[in-house]
Amino acid sequence: MSILLNKETKVICQGITGKAGSYYTKDCLDFGTHFVGGVNPKKAGSSIFSIPIFSSAKEAKKETDCNTSLLFVPAPFAKDAILDAIEAELDLIVAITEGIPIHDMVEIKAALKGSSTRLIGPNCPGLIAPSQNCKVGIMPSHIHRKGNIGIISRSGTLLFEAALQVSKAGLGQSTCVGIGGDPIQGSSFIDMLELFEKDEETEAILLVGEIGGSSEEQAAAWIAQNSSKPIFAYIAGKHAPKGRRMGHAGAMISKNNTGLASTKIEALKKSGATLIEDPGLIGKTISQFFSKDL
């Protein structure tokens, strides 16, 4: 089985009529994702791709029994849209939106604590379960194939590269999850590691991290105490300068030397994970590991 997504997942798109929302809804539909509605208060009552549009996530939930939202609402309005989905008691929100203010994310995190809703993102590529023909995100479908490697990444680009290499190695993925690179995330590495640990389809896990924050070190501590599956890891940013943001809002080495790639790499090595030094060797390293097991 996959984590978070399956063939029965009922998806809505908040922001479905925007340029990005409509494009990626169609892309997900073509992959096989089961969309049951969209949300745009100004266009409620109409439809797109034969999908009905509702005024709110709460209305969509009532009419379709949806359980997942793909969110493309612009950053200034994203907080209200996410809170709407939380109030609708959806199981999962995948926020692709970039640039949501930190103070808005603080409020969203507080709302999540009192709910059963899980948030992936923001500023993320989403997730895909190849064996279930279900994608709630923006990743190119053709690079993925059914397999047994679970992938978690802060970087969307590196998630795509890792998935492509794993596919070319003939292993494929159980689920790929891009958790996003913002300082405040809806879900962490540990959240995904816990799900992959319980997933029977996932035989090994690849963690793709980067500089900034301490989530990789926290994940390493969890791995050391809890993981029963092989863990591979790649950390980007070994040569990044201090005090300069590199790509993601959360990807920065502080001037007091926190967030260094070297400390993350050392923590993951101590946890028992297999560290991959070169991103071009991701597929080869994992493939060689499984070849030794045969």
Protein backbone atom coordinates (compact mmCIF):
# COMPACT_ATOMS: atom_id res chain seq x y z
CA MET A 1 0.00 0.00 0.00
CA SER A 2 1.04 3.65 -0.20
CA ILE A 3 0.97 6.33 2.48
CA LEU A 4 -1.63 9.13 2.56
CA LEU A 5 -3.01 8.42 -0.94
CA ASN A 6 -4.82 5.55 -2.63
CA LYS A 7 -7.27 4.86 -5.44
CA GLU A 8 -10.20 5.84 -3.22
CA THR A 9 -8.82 9.28 -2.28
CA LYS A 10 -11.41 11.95 -3.11
CA VAL A 11 -9.67 15.19 -4.04
CA ILE A 12 -10.76 18.79 -4.44
CA CYS A 13 -8.65 21.67 -5.71
CA GLN A 14 -8.85 24.97 -3.87
CA GLY A 15 -8.02 27.55 -6.50
CA ILE A 16 -9.03 25.24 -9.35
CA THR A 17 -9.86 28.00 -11.85
CA GLY A 18 -6.49 29.76 -11.63
CA LYS A 19 -3.79 29.14 -14.22
CA ALA A 20 -1.77 26.76 -12.04
CA GLY A 21 -4.80 25.18 -10.37
CA SER A 22 -6.50 24.27 -13.63
CA TYR A 23 -3.29 23.06 -15.29
CA TYR A 24 -2.26 20.73 -12.48
CA THR A 25 -5.78 19.51 -11.78
CA LYS A 26 -5.92 18.34 -15.40
CA ASP A 27 -2.45 16.80 -15.06
CA CYS A 28 -3.48 14.90 -11.91
CA LEU A 29 -6.71 13.79 -13.58
CA ASP A 30 -4.77 12.40 -16.52
CA PHE A 31 -2.63 10.38 -14.11
CA GLY A 32 -5.74 8.85 -12.56
CA THR A 33 -6.44 10.97 -9.47
CA HIS A 34 -10.08 11.00 -8.42
CA PHE A 35 -11.15 14.67 -8.33
CA VAL A 36 -14.65 15.30 -7.06
CA GLY A 37 -14.74 19.08 -6.87
CA GLY A 38 -13.04 22.45 -6.87
CA VAL A 39 -13.34 25.61 -4.81
CA ASN A 40 -13.69 29.19 -5.98
CA PRO A 41 -16.27 31.35 -4.17
CA LYS A 42 -16.72 33.58 -7.22
CA LYS A 43 -17.43 30.69 -9.59
CA ALA A 44 -19.48 28.39 -7.37
CA GLY A 45 -22.17 26.55 -9.29
CA SER A 46 -20.11 26.24 -12.46
CA SER A 47 -17.73 23.45 -13.43
CA ILE A 48 -14.37 22.74 -15.04
CA PHE A 49 -13.29 19.42 -16.59
CA SER A 50 -16.81 18.25 -15.63
CA ILE A 51 -15.85 18.85 -11.98
CA PRO A 52 -18.32 20.93 -9.93
CA ILE A 53 -17.05 24.11 -8.28
CA PHE A 54 -18.13 24.98 -4.74
CA SER A 55 -17.96 28.14 -2.66
CA SER A 56 -15.90 26.56 0.12
CA ALA A 57 -14.16 23.38 1.20
CA LYS A 58 -16.89 22.94 3.79
CA GLU A 59 -19.56 22.91 1.06
CA ALA A 60 -17.46 20.58 -1.09
CA LYS A 61 -17.09 18.18 1.83
CA LYS A 62 -20.85 18.16 2.40
CA GLU A 63 -21.67 17.53 -1.26
CA THR A 64 -18.87 15.13 -2.28
CA ASP A 65 -17.45 13.62 0.92
CA CYS A 66 -13.99 14.68 -0.26
CA ASN A 67 -11.07 13.97 2.05
CA THR A 68 -8.09 15.69 0.39
CA SER A 69 -7.38 19.17 -0.96
CA LEU A 70 -4.80 20.30 -3.51
CA LEU A 71 -4.29 23.98 -2.77
CA PHE A 72 -3.17 26.64 -5.25
CA VAL A 73 -4.70 29.68 -3.56
CA PRO A 74 -2.39 32.75 -3.75
CA ALA A 75 -0.30 33.41 -0.65
CA PRO A 76 -2.30 36.41 0.71
CA PHE A 77 -5.46 34.27 0.81
CA ALA A 78 -3.95 30.85 1.50
CA LYS A 79 -4.39 31.01 5.27
CA ASP A 80 -8.16 31.40 5.00
CA ALA A 81 -8.35 28.59 2.44
CA ILE A 82 -6.33 26.22 4.62
CA LEU A 83 -8.41 27.08 7.69
CA ASP A 84 -11.54 26.43 5.61
CA ALA A 85 -10.23 22.95 4.74
CA ILE A 86 -9.33 22.27 8.38
CA GLU A 87 -12.81 23.32 9.49
CA ALA A 88 -14.24 20.99 6.82
CA GLU A 89 -12.33 18.17 8.59
CA LEU A 90 -10.47 17.01 5.49
CA ASP A 91 -7.87 14.32 6.13
CA LEU A 92 -5.14 15.93 4.04
CA ILE A 93 -4.27 19.35 2.64
CA VAL A 94 -1.44 19.66 0.12
CA ALA A 95 -0.43 23.32 -0.08
CA ILE A 96 1.63 24.01 -3.20
CA THR A 97 1.45 27.77 -2.59
CA GLU A 98 4.77 29.55 -2.06
CA GLY A 99 5.30 32.64 0.08
CA ILE A 100 2.68 32.15 2.80
CA PRO A 101 3.68 34.59 5.59
CA ILE A 102 5.24 33.03 8.68
CA HIS A 103 2.66 34.62 10.99
CA ASP A 104 -0.08 32.99 8.91
CA MET A 105 1.64 29.62 9.24
CA VAL A 106 1.84 30.06 13.03
CA GLU A 107 -1.95 30.46 13.08
CA ILE A 108 -2.41 27.48 10.76
CA LYS A 109 -0.19 25.26 12.92
CA ALA A 110 -2.26 26.18 15.98
CA ALA A 111 -5.46 25.21 14.13
CA LEU A 112 -3.94 21.89 13.04
CA LYS A 113 -3.16 20.93 16.65
CA GLY A 114 -6.83 20.73 17.46
CA SER A 115 -7.82 18.82 14.34
CA SER A 116 -7.40 15.47 12.60
CA THR A 117 -6.18 17.18 9.40
CA ARG A 118 -2.64 16.70 8.09
CA LEU A 119 -0.96 19.48 6.07
CA ILE A 120 1.80 18.82 3.54
CA GLY A 121 3.69 21.97 2.60
CA PRO A 122 3.46 24.83 1.96
CA ASN A 123 5.88 25.59 -0.85
CA CYS A 124 6.04 21.94 -1.81
CA PRO A 125 5.60 19.75 -4.92
CA GLY A 126 3.03 17.51 -3.23
CA LEU A 127 2.97 13.73 -3.26
CA ILE A 128 2.42 10.78 -5.57
CA ALA A 129 1.60 7.08 -5.13
CA PRO A 130 2.52 5.39 -8.44
CA SER A 131 0.90 2.03 -7.63
CA GLN A 132 -2.38 3.78 -6.85
CA ASN A 133 -2.39 6.08 -9.89
CA CYS A 134 -2.95 8.94 -7.50
CA LYS A 135 -1.04 12.22 -7.56
CA VAL A 136 -1.80 15.35 -5.56
CA GLY A 137 0.93 17.67 -6.69
CA ILE A 138 3.01 19.05 -9.54
CA MET A 139 5.63 16.35 -10.14
CA PRO A 140 6.03 15.00 -13.70
CA SER A 141 4.23 11.66 -13.74
CA HIS A 142 6.48 9.99 -16.31
CA ILE A 143 9.52 9.90 -14.00
CA HIS A 144 7.72 7.74 -11.43
CA ARG A 145 7.11 4.01 -11.41
CA LYS A 146 5.63 1.54 -8.97
CA GLY A 147 8.19 0.23 -6.51
CA ASN A 148 9.22 -0.12 -2.88
CA ILE A 149 11.30 2.99 -2.09
CA GLY A 150 9.66 5.73 -0.06
CA ILE A 151 11.09 9.18 -0.74
CA ILE A 152 10.82 12.29 1.48
CA SER A 153 12.36 15.58 0.39
CA ARG A 154 12.43 19.24 1.35
CA SER A 155 13.41 20.13 -2.22
CA GLY A 156 11.04 19.56 -5.10
CA THR A 157 13.81 19.53 -7.72
CA LEU A 158 15.83 16.98 -5.76
CA LEU A 159 12.70 14.88 -5.20
CA PHE A 160 12.23 14.71 -8.97
CA GLU A 161 15.90 13.83 -9.53
CA ALA A 162 15.85 11.14 -6.85
CA ALA A 163 12.63 9.59 -8.17
CA LEU A 164 13.96 9.52 -11.72
CA GLN A 165 17.16 7.78 -10.63
CA VAL A 166 15.27 5.24 -8.52
CA SER A 167 12.98 4.53 -11.46
CA LYS A 168 15.90 4.11 -13.86
CA ALA A 169 17.48 1.71 -11.37
CA GLY A 170 14.40 -0.49 -11.72
CA LEU A 171 13.22 -0.07 -8.12
CA GLY A 172 10.47 2.53 -8.30
CA GLN A 173 8.66 4.26 -5.45
CA SER A 174 5.91 3.36 -3.00
CA THR A 175 5.14 7.04 -2.30
CA CYS A 176 7.08 10.25 -2.88
CA VAL A 177 6.44 13.20 -0.57
CA GLY A 178 7.76 16.73 -0.91
CA ILE A 179 7.35 18.32 2.52
CA GLY A 180 8.47 21.79 1.41
CA GLY A 181 11.33 24.05 2.30
CA ASP A 182 9.68 26.80 4.36
CA PRO A 183 10.76 27.42 7.97
CA ILE A 184 7.34 26.32 9.27
CA GLN A 185 6.08 23.12 7.66
CA GLY A 186 2.79 21.35 8.00
CA SER A 187 4.51 17.95 8.23
CA SER A 188 8.06 16.99 9.13
CA PHE A 189 10.52 14.28 8.12
CA ILE A 190 9.59 12.40 11.28
CA ASP A 191 5.87 12.50 10.42
CA MET A 192 6.61 10.83 7.08
CA LEU A 193 9.17 8.40 8.50
CA GLU A 194 6.56 7.13 10.94
CA LEU A 195 4.11 6.48 8.10
CA PHE A 196 6.71 4.78 5.90
CA GLU A 197 7.84 2.62 8.82
CA LYS A 198 4.30 1.21 9.07
CA ASP A 199 3.78 0.82 5.30
CA GLU A 200 4.17 -2.76 4.09
CA GLU A 201 4.88 -1.68 0.50
CA THR A 202 7.86 0.44 1.53
CA GLU A 203 11.05 -1.61 1.94
CA ALA A 204 13.53 1.28 2.20
CA ILE A 205 13.38 5.05 2.66
CA LEU A 206 15.32 7.87 1.03
CA LEU A 207 15.52 11.16 2.94
CA VAL A 208 16.61 14.21 0.93
CA GLY A 209 17.51 17.16 3.14
CA GLU A 210 19.26 20.49 2.87
CA ILE A 211 20.88 23.21 4.95
CA GLY A 212 18.89 25.25 7.46
CA GLY A 213 16.88 24.31 10.52
CA SER A 214 17.28 21.12 12.51
CA SER A 215 14.68 18.79 11.01
CA GLU A 216 17.29 16.41 9.61
CA GLU A 217 19.00 16.08 13.00
CA GLN A 218 15.62 15.40 14.60
CA ALA A 219 14.93 12.80 11.93
CA ALA A 220 18.30 11.18 12.64
CA ALA A 221 17.43 10.84 16.32
CA TRP A 222 14.11 9.21 15.38
CA ILE A 223 15.83 6.84 12.92
CA ALA A 224 18.33 5.69 15.53
CA GLN A 225 15.57 4.77 17.97
CA ASN A 226 12.72 3.60 15.74
CA SER A 227 13.57 2.61 12.18
CA SER A 228 13.62 -1.06 11.18
CA LYS A 229 14.06 -0.33 7.48
CA PRO A 230 17.16 0.69 5.49
CA ILE A 231 17.48 4.48 5.38
CA PHE A 232 19.39 6.38 2.70
CA ALA A 233 20.04 10.10 2.89
CA TYR A 234 21.40 12.92 0.77
CA ILE A 235 21.97 16.42 2.20
CA ALA A 236 22.31 19.35 -0.20
CA GLY A 237 24.27 22.52 0.52
CA LYS A 238 27.69 21.39 1.73
CA HIS A 239 29.36 24.44 0.16
CA ALA A 240 26.67 27.05 0.90
CA PRO A 241 27.87 30.37 2.42
CA LYS A 242 26.71 31.47 5.87
CA GLY A 243 23.83 33.92 6.22
CA ARG A 244 22.63 33.65 2.63
CA ARG A 245 19.32 32.00 1.79
CA MET A 246 19.76 29.30 -0.84
CA GLY A 247 16.52 28.59 -2.70
CA HIS A 248 14.04 27.79 0.04
CA ALA A 249 13.09 30.22 2.79
CA GLY A 250 14.35 27.70 5.33
CA ALA A 251 17.59 26.84 3.51
CA MET A 252 20.14 29.04 5.24
CA ILE A 253 23.15 28.45 7.46
CA SER A 254 22.93 30.86 10.38
CA LYS A 255 25.96 32.93 11.36
CA ASN A 256 26.19 30.90 14.58
CA ASN A 257 26.81 27.80 12.40
CA THR A 258 23.41 26.17 12.96
CA GLY A 259 21.84 24.41 9.99
CA LEU A 260 25.13 23.19 8.57
CA ALA A 261 25.12 20.31 6.08
CA SER A 262 28.03 18.75 7.95
CA THR A 263 26.13 18.48 11.25
CA LYS A 264 23.15 16.93 9.48
CA ILE A 265 25.36 14.45 7.65
CA GLU A 266 27.15 13.47 10.85
CA ALA A 267 23.87 12.99 12.74
CA LEU A 268 22.43 10.80 9.99
CA LYS A 269 25.61 8.71 9.78
CA LYS A 270 25.44 8.09 13.53
CA SER A 271 21.80 7.05 13.19
CA GLY A 272 22.79 4.19 10.88
CA ALA A 273 21.58 5.76 7.64
CA THR A 274 23.58 5.27 4.46
CA LEU A 275 24.80 8.70 3.34
CA ILE A 276 24.99 9.47 -0.36
CA GLU A 277 27.65 12.10 -1.07
CA ASP A 278 26.82 12.86 -4.71
CA PRO A 279 23.23 13.43 -5.91
CA GLY A 280 24.14 11.69 -9.15
CA LEU A 281 24.70 8.45 -7.23
CA ILE A 282 21.30 8.16 -5.53
CA GLY A 283 19.88 5.48 -7.80
CA LYS A 284 23.15 3.57 -8.06
CA THR A 285 23.71 3.49 -4.29
CA ILE A 286 20.24 2.20 -3.49
CA SER A 287 20.35 -0.31 -6.34
CA GLN A 288 23.71 -1.69 -5.18
CA PHE A 289 22.37 -2.10 -1.65
CA PHE A 290 19.46 -4.21 -2.85
CA SER A 291 21.71 -6.22 -5.19
CA LYS A 292 23.80 -7.26 -2.19
CA ASP A 293 20.65 -8.52 -0.46
CA LEU A 294 19.79 -10.88 -3.31
